[in-house]
Amino acid sequence: MAAITDHDSYIAAAPEAFRPVLSHLRDLLRGALPDAEEMVAYNMPGFRVRGTVVASYAAFSKQIGLYFLASAISDHAEEIAESGLTASKTGVTFPPHKPVPDHLVTRLATSSSTHVDD
């Protein structure tokens, strides 16, 4: 994927099968983080609160990554596992045909924003 400057460009450049999921993630994150600034860092779209990136997403060859502050992932580790998702210290990856449940995206984003000043 070429260098991008905004969320719209990133989504448009993603593989076609990923675009609806990426657009939906963006909408969910925007709704959960109404005071966040949309930004792009390391060629990945995200949301920043008081200078800290609290949520971002990315399309890879076969999966999508959704990233938050590590404390948000640990706060919801049990729910992530119960959803059958694979998590790392700061993210969750999933195929586009099995996205993260909407309520979990919202909870992770909200939790991440509450940990900005930790």
N, C-alpha and C. Protein backbone atom coordinates (compact mmCIF):
# COMPACT_ATOMS: atom_id res chain seq x y z
N MET A 1 0.85 -1.17 0.00
CA MET A 1 0.00 0.00 0.00
C MET A 1 0.90 1.24 0.00
N ALA A 2 0.60 2.21 -0.82
CA ALA A 2 1.38 3.44 -0.92
C ALA A 2 1.21 4.28 0.34
N ALA A 3 2.12 5.24 0.52
CA ALA A 3 2.02 6.15 1.67
C ALA A 3 0.66 6.86 1.63
N ILE A 4 0.06 6.99 2.78
CA ILE A 4 -1.26 7.60 2.84
C ILE A 4 -1.23 8.82 3.76
N THR A 5 -2.20 9.68 3.57
CA THR A 5 -2.24 10.90 4.37
C THR A 5 -3.50 11.05 5.19
N ASP A 6 -4.51 10.21 4.93
CA ASP A 6 -5.76 10.30 5.69
C ASP A 6 -6.49 8.97 5.67
N HIS A 7 -7.50 8.86 6.49
CA HIS A 7 -8.25 7.61 6.61
C HIS A 7 -8.93 7.22 5.30
N ASP A 8 -9.53 8.18 4.61
CA ASP A 8 -10.22 7.88 3.35
C ASP A 8 -9.27 7.27 2.33
N SER A 9 -8.07 7.84 2.21
CA SER A 9 -7.08 7.33 1.25
C SER A 9 -6.63 5.92 1.63
N TYR A 10 -6.46 5.70 2.91
CA TYR A 10 -6.03 4.38 3.38
C TYR A 10 -7.07 3.32 3.02
N ILE A 11 -8.31 3.61 3.34
CA ILE A 11 -9.38 2.65 3.07
C ILE A 11 -9.52 2.41 1.57
N ALA A 12 -9.43 3.46 0.78
CA ALA A 12 -9.56 3.32 -0.67
C ALA A 12 -8.44 2.47 -1.27
N ALA A 13 -7.26 2.51 -0.66
CA ALA A 13 -6.12 1.77 -1.17
C ALA A 13 -6.07 0.32 -0.67
N ALA A 14 -6.90 -0.02 0.31
CA ALA A 14 -6.92 -1.38 0.87
C ALA A 14 -7.58 -2.34 -0.11
N PRO A 15 -7.30 -3.63 0.03
CA PRO A 15 -7.97 -4.62 -0.82
C PRO A 15 -9.49 -4.47 -0.70
N GLU A 16 -10.18 -4.65 -1.80
CA GLU A 16 -11.62 -4.41 -1.86
C GLU A 16 -12.40 -5.15 -0.78
N ALA A 17 -12.04 -6.38 -0.49
CA ALA A 17 -12.77 -7.17 0.52
C ALA A 17 -12.62 -6.59 1.92
N PHE A 18 -11.58 -5.80 2.14
CA PHE A 18 -11.33 -5.23 3.47
C PHE A 18 -12.02 -3.88 3.68
N ARG A 19 -12.34 -3.19 2.60
CA ARG A 19 -12.83 -1.81 2.71
C ARG A 19 -14.07 -1.65 3.58
N PRO A 20 -15.10 -2.49 3.43
CA PRO A 20 -16.28 -2.30 4.29
C PRO A 20 -15.96 -2.47 5.78
N VAL A 21 -15.10 -3.41 6.10
CA VAL A 21 -14.74 -3.64 7.50
C VAL A 21 -13.94 -2.45 8.03
N LEU A 22 -12.98 -1.96 7.25
CA LEU A 22 -12.19 -0.81 7.67
C LEU A 22 -13.06 0.43 7.85
N SER A 23 -14.00 0.65 6.95
CA SER A 23 -14.91 1.79 7.08
C SER A 23 -15.75 1.67 8.34
N HIS A 24 -16.23 0.46 8.60
CA HIS A 24 -17.04 0.23 9.79
C HIS A 24 -16.22 0.45 11.07
N LEU A 25 -14.98 -0.04 11.09
CA LEU A 25 -14.11 0.19 12.24
C LEU A 25 -13.90 1.68 12.46
N ARG A 26 -13.64 2.39 11.40
CA ARG A 26 -13.44 3.84 11.52
C ARG A 26 -14.67 4.49 12.14
N ASP A 27 -15.85 4.13 11.67
CA ASP A 27 -17.09 4.71 12.21
C ASP A 27 -17.26 4.36 13.69
N LEU A 28 -17.00 3.11 14.05
CA LEU A 28 -17.12 2.70 15.45
C LEU A 28 -16.14 3.47 16.33
N LEU A 29 -14.89 3.59 15.87
CA LEU A 29 -13.88 4.29 16.65
C LEU A 29 -14.20 5.78 16.75
N ARG A 30 -14.65 6.37 15.68
CA ARG A 30 -15.03 7.78 15.70
C ARG A 30 -16.16 8.02 16.69
N GLY A 31 -17.12 7.10 16.73
CA GLY A 31 -18.23 7.22 17.66
C GLY A 31 -17.81 7.03 19.11
N ALA A 32 -16.89 6.10 19.34
CA ALA A 32 -16.43 5.82 20.70
C ALA A 32 -15.44 6.87 21.21
N LEU A 33 -14.81 7.58 20.28
CA LEU A 33 -13.78 8.57 20.62
C LEU A 33 -14.13 9.93 20.02
N PRO A 34 -15.25 10.52 20.43
CA PRO A 34 -15.71 11.75 19.78
C PRO A 34 -14.76 12.94 19.89
N ASP A 35 -13.91 12.96 20.90
CA ASP A 35 -12.98 14.07 21.08
C ASP A 35 -11.60 13.79 20.50
N ALA A 36 -11.43 12.62 19.89
CA ALA A 36 -10.13 12.25 19.33
C ALA A 36 -9.91 12.90 17.97
N GLU A 37 -8.65 13.10 17.67
CA GLU A 37 -8.23 13.64 16.38
C GLU A 37 -7.88 12.48 15.46
N GLU A 38 -8.44 12.47 14.25
CA GLU A 38 -8.03 11.46 13.27
C GLU A 38 -6.64 11.82 12.78
N MET A 39 -5.78 10.81 12.66
CA MET A 39 -4.41 11.05 12.21
C MET A 39 -3.88 9.81 11.52
N VAL A 40 -2.71 9.95 10.93
CA VAL A 40 -2.01 8.83 10.31
C VAL A 40 -0.58 8.84 10.84
N ALA A 41 -0.13 7.69 11.32
CA ALA A 41 1.25 7.55 11.78
C ALA A 41 1.74 6.18 11.35
N TYR A 42 2.98 6.12 10.90
CA TYR A 42 3.56 4.87 10.43
C TYR A 42 2.69 4.21 9.36
N ASN A 43 2.11 5.04 8.50
CA ASN A 43 1.28 4.59 7.38
C ASN A 43 0.06 3.79 7.86
N MET A 44 -0.46 4.17 9.05
CA MET A 44 -1.61 3.49 9.62
C MET A 44 -2.56 4.55 10.19
N PRO A 45 -3.84 4.49 9.83
CA PRO A 45 -4.80 5.47 10.36
C PRO A 45 -5.11 5.20 11.83
N GLY A 46 -5.30 6.28 12.56
CA GLY A 46 -5.59 6.13 13.98
C GLY A 46 -6.29 7.34 14.56
N PHE A 47 -6.42 7.30 15.86
CA PHE A 47 -7.10 8.35 16.62
C PHE A 47 -6.22 8.74 17.80
N ARG A 48 -6.04 10.04 17.97
CA ARG A 48 -5.15 10.56 19.00
C ARG A 48 -5.96 11.38 20.01
N VAL A 49 -5.66 11.18 21.29
CA VAL A 49 -6.26 11.94 22.38
C VAL A 49 -5.12 12.57 23.18
N ARG A 50 -5.12 13.87 23.30
CA ARG A 50 -4.09 14.61 24.04
C ARG A 50 -2.68 14.17 23.66
N GLY A 51 -2.45 13.99 22.37
CA GLY A 51 -1.13 13.66 21.86
C GLY A 51 -0.78 12.18 21.87
N THR A 52 -1.66 11.32 22.39
CA THR A 52 -1.39 9.89 22.46
C THR A 52 -2.31 9.14 21.51
N VAL A 53 -1.73 8.27 20.70
CA VAL A 53 -2.54 7.42 19.80
C VAL A 53 -3.22 6.37 20.67
N VAL A 54 -4.55 6.40 20.69
CA VAL A 54 -5.31 5.47 21.53
C VAL A 54 -5.95 4.33 20.74
N ALA A 55 -6.06 4.49 19.42
CA ALA A 55 -6.63 3.45 18.58
C ALA A 55 -6.13 3.62 17.16
N SER A 56 -5.88 2.49 16.51
CA SER A 56 -5.51 2.52 15.09
C SER A 56 -5.89 1.19 14.47
N TYR A 57 -5.86 1.16 13.15
CA TYR A 57 -6.23 -0.06 12.43
C TYR A 57 -5.39 -0.17 11.18
N ALA A 58 -5.27 -1.40 10.68
CA ALA A 58 -4.45 -1.62 9.49
C ALA A 58 -4.92 -2.86 8.75
N ALA A 59 -4.77 -2.84 7.44
CA ALA A 59 -5.07 -3.99 6.59
C ALA A 59 -3.76 -4.65 6.20
N PHE A 60 -3.72 -5.96 6.33
CA PHE A 60 -2.56 -6.74 5.92
C PHE A 60 -3.00 -7.66 4.79
N SER A 61 -2.15 -8.56 4.37
CA SER A 61 -2.50 -9.39 3.21
C SER A 61 -3.70 -10.29 3.46
N LYS A 62 -3.85 -10.84 4.68
CA LYS A 62 -4.95 -11.75 4.94
C LYS A 62 -5.76 -11.39 6.17
N GLN A 63 -5.36 -10.35 6.86
CA GLN A 63 -6.06 -10.01 8.10
C GLN A 63 -6.06 -8.51 8.34
N ILE A 64 -6.82 -8.12 9.35
CA ILE A 64 -6.91 -6.73 9.78
C ILE A 64 -6.39 -6.68 11.20
N GLY A 65 -5.69 -5.63 11.53
CA GLY A 65 -5.21 -5.41 12.89
C GLY A 65 -5.91 -4.19 13.48
N LEU A 66 -6.26 -4.30 14.74
CA LEU A 66 -6.92 -3.23 15.47
C LEU A 66 -6.08 -3.03 16.73
N TYR A 67 -5.57 -1.80 16.94
CA TYR A 67 -4.58 -1.57 17.98
C TYR A 67 -5.03 -0.52 18.98
N PHE A 68 -4.70 -0.77 20.26
CA PHE A 68 -5.06 0.11 21.36
C PHE A 68 -3.88 0.18 22.33
N LEU A 69 -4.00 0.98 23.36
CA LEU A 69 -3.00 0.99 24.41
C LEU A 69 -3.01 -0.38 25.08
N ALA A 70 -1.83 -0.83 25.51
CA ALA A 70 -1.70 -2.17 26.09
C ALA A 70 -2.65 -2.37 27.28
N SER A 71 -2.87 -1.34 28.07
CA SER A 71 -3.75 -1.48 29.23
C SER A 71 -5.18 -1.78 28.82
N ALA A 72 -5.63 -1.27 27.69
CA ALA A 72 -6.99 -1.56 27.21
C ALA A 72 -7.11 -3.03 26.81
N ILE A 73 -6.08 -3.55 26.15
CA ILE A 73 -6.09 -4.96 25.76
C ILE A 73 -6.11 -5.84 27.02
N SER A 74 -5.28 -5.52 28.00
CA SER A 74 -5.25 -6.35 29.21
C SER A 74 -6.56 -6.22 30.00
N ASP A 75 -7.17 -5.05 30.01
CA ASP A 75 -8.46 -4.86 30.70
C ASP A 75 -9.55 -5.77 30.13
N HIS A 76 -9.45 -6.08 28.83
CA HIS A 76 -10.50 -6.84 28.15
C HIS A 76 -10.00 -8.19 27.60
N ALA A 77 -8.91 -8.70 28.15
CA ALA A 77 -8.30 -9.93 27.65
C ALA A 77 -9.28 -11.10 27.66
N GLU A 78 -10.06 -11.22 28.72
CA GLU A 78 -11.01 -12.33 28.82
C GLU A 78 -12.08 -12.23 27.74
N GLU A 79 -12.61 -11.04 27.55
CA GLU A 79 -13.64 -10.85 26.53
C GLU A 79 -13.09 -11.09 25.12
N ILE A 80 -11.86 -10.67 24.89
CA ILE A 80 -11.21 -10.91 23.60
C ILE A 80 -11.10 -12.41 23.35
N ALA A 81 -10.62 -13.14 24.35
CA ALA A 81 -10.47 -14.59 24.22
C ALA A 81 -11.82 -15.26 24.02
N GLU A 82 -12.85 -14.83 24.77
CA GLU A 82 -14.18 -15.41 24.63
C GLU A 82 -14.76 -15.18 23.24
N SER A 83 -14.31 -14.13 22.57
CA SER A 83 -14.78 -13.83 21.22
C SER A 83 -14.03 -14.63 20.17
N GLY A 84 -13.06 -15.44 20.61
CA GLY A 84 -12.30 -16.28 19.69
C GLY A 84 -11.27 -15.51 18.88
N LEU A 85 -10.82 -14.38 19.40
CA LEU A 85 -9.87 -13.54 18.68
C LEU A 85 -8.45 -13.75 19.18
N THR A 86 -7.49 -13.43 18.34
CA THR A 86 -6.08 -13.50 18.68
C THR A 86 -5.62 -12.11 19.08
N ALA A 87 -5.00 -12.01 20.25
CA ALA A 87 -4.53 -10.71 20.72
C ALA A 87 -3.04 -10.74 20.99
N SER A 88 -2.42 -9.58 20.81
CA SER A 88 -1.04 -9.38 21.22
C SER A 88 -1.09 -8.38 22.38
N LYS A 89 0.03 -7.87 22.78
CA LYS A 89 0.07 -6.90 23.88
C LYS A 89 -0.75 -5.65 23.56
N THR A 90 -0.76 -5.24 22.29
CA THR A 90 -1.43 -3.98 21.94
C THR A 90 -2.49 -4.11 20.85
N GLY A 91 -2.80 -5.32 20.42
CA GLY A 91 -3.75 -5.40 19.32
C GLY A 91 -4.48 -6.72 19.21
N VAL A 92 -5.44 -6.68 18.29
CA VAL A 92 -6.26 -7.83 17.96
C VAL A 92 -6.21 -7.98 16.45
N THR A 93 -5.99 -9.19 15.97
CA THR A 93 -6.01 -9.42 14.52
C THR A 93 -7.13 -10.38 14.18
N PHE A 94 -7.67 -10.20 12.98
CA PHE A 94 -8.80 -11.02 12.56
C PHE A 94 -8.94 -10.97 11.04
N PRO A 95 -9.54 -12.01 10.47
CA PRO A 95 -9.80 -11.98 9.03
C PRO A 95 -11.01 -11.08 8.76
N PRO A 96 -11.11 -10.50 7.57
CA PRO A 96 -12.21 -9.58 7.30
C PRO A 96 -13.59 -10.23 7.38
N HIS A 97 -13.67 -11.54 7.21
CA HIS A 97 -14.98 -12.20 7.27
C HIS A 97 -15.41 -12.53 8.70
N LYS A 98 -14.53 -12.28 9.68
CA LYS A 98 -14.87 -12.51 11.09
C LYS A 98 -14.40 -11.33 11.93
N PRO A 99 -15.05 -10.17 11.80
CA PRO A 99 -14.59 -8.97 12.50
C PRO A 99 -14.83 -9.02 14.00
N VAL A 100 -14.16 -8.13 14.70
CA VAL A 100 -14.33 -7.95 16.14
C VAL A 100 -15.76 -7.46 16.37
N PRO A 101 -16.46 -8.02 17.37
CA PRO A 101 -17.82 -7.54 17.65
C PRO A 101 -17.82 -6.03 17.95
N ASP A 102 -18.84 -5.35 17.46
CA ASP A 102 -18.93 -3.89 17.62
C ASP A 102 -18.79 -3.46 19.07
N HIS A 103 -19.49 -4.13 19.97
CA HIS A 103 -19.44 -3.72 21.38
C HIS A 103 -18.03 -3.84 21.95
N LEU A 104 -17.26 -4.81 21.48
CA LEU A 104 -15.89 -4.97 21.96
C LEU A 104 -14.99 -3.87 21.41
N VAL A 105 -15.16 -3.50 20.16
CA VAL A 105 -14.39 -2.39 19.59
C VAL A 105 -14.63 -1.13 20.41
N THR A 106 -15.89 -0.86 20.70
CA THR A 106 -16.26 0.34 21.46
C THR A 106 -15.66 0.29 22.87
N ARG A 107 -15.74 -0.84 23.53
CA ARG A 107 -15.18 -0.97 24.89
C ARG A 107 -13.67 -0.79 24.89
N LEU A 108 -13.00 -1.39 23.90
CA LEU A 108 -11.55 -1.25 23.82
C LEU A 108 -11.15 0.20 23.57
N ALA A 109 -11.84 0.87 22.69
CA ALA A 109 -11.53 2.27 22.39
C ALA A 109 -11.75 3.16 23.61
N THR A 110 -12.87 2.96 24.27
CA THR A 110 -13.17 3.76 25.46
C THR A 110 -12.15 3.50 26.55
N SER A 111 -11.82 2.25 26.75
CA SER A 111 -10.82 1.89 27.76
C SER A 111 -9.46 2.49 27.42
N SER A 112 -9.08 2.42 26.17
CA SER A 112 -7.80 2.98 25.73
C SER A 112 -7.75 4.47 26.01
N SER A 113 -8.82 5.18 25.74
CA SER A 113 -8.82 6.63 25.96
C SER A 113 -8.76 6.98 27.44
N THR A 114 -9.31 6.12 28.30
CA THR A 114 -9.24 6.41 29.74
C THR A 114 -7.84 6.19 30.30
N HIS A 115 -6.99 5.47 29.58
CA HIS A 115 -5.63 5.21 30.05
C HIS A 115 -4.60 6.17 29.46
N VAL A 116 -5.02 7.21 28.79
CA VAL A 116 -4.09 8.15 28.16
C VAL A 116 -3.09 8.73 29.16
N ASP A 117 -3.54 9.07 30.32
CA ASP A 117 -2.67 9.73 31.30
C ASP A 117 -1.98 8.79 32.27
N ASP A 118 -2.09 7.49 32.03
CA ASP A 118 -1.44 6.50 32.91
C ASP A 118 0.07 6.60 32.83
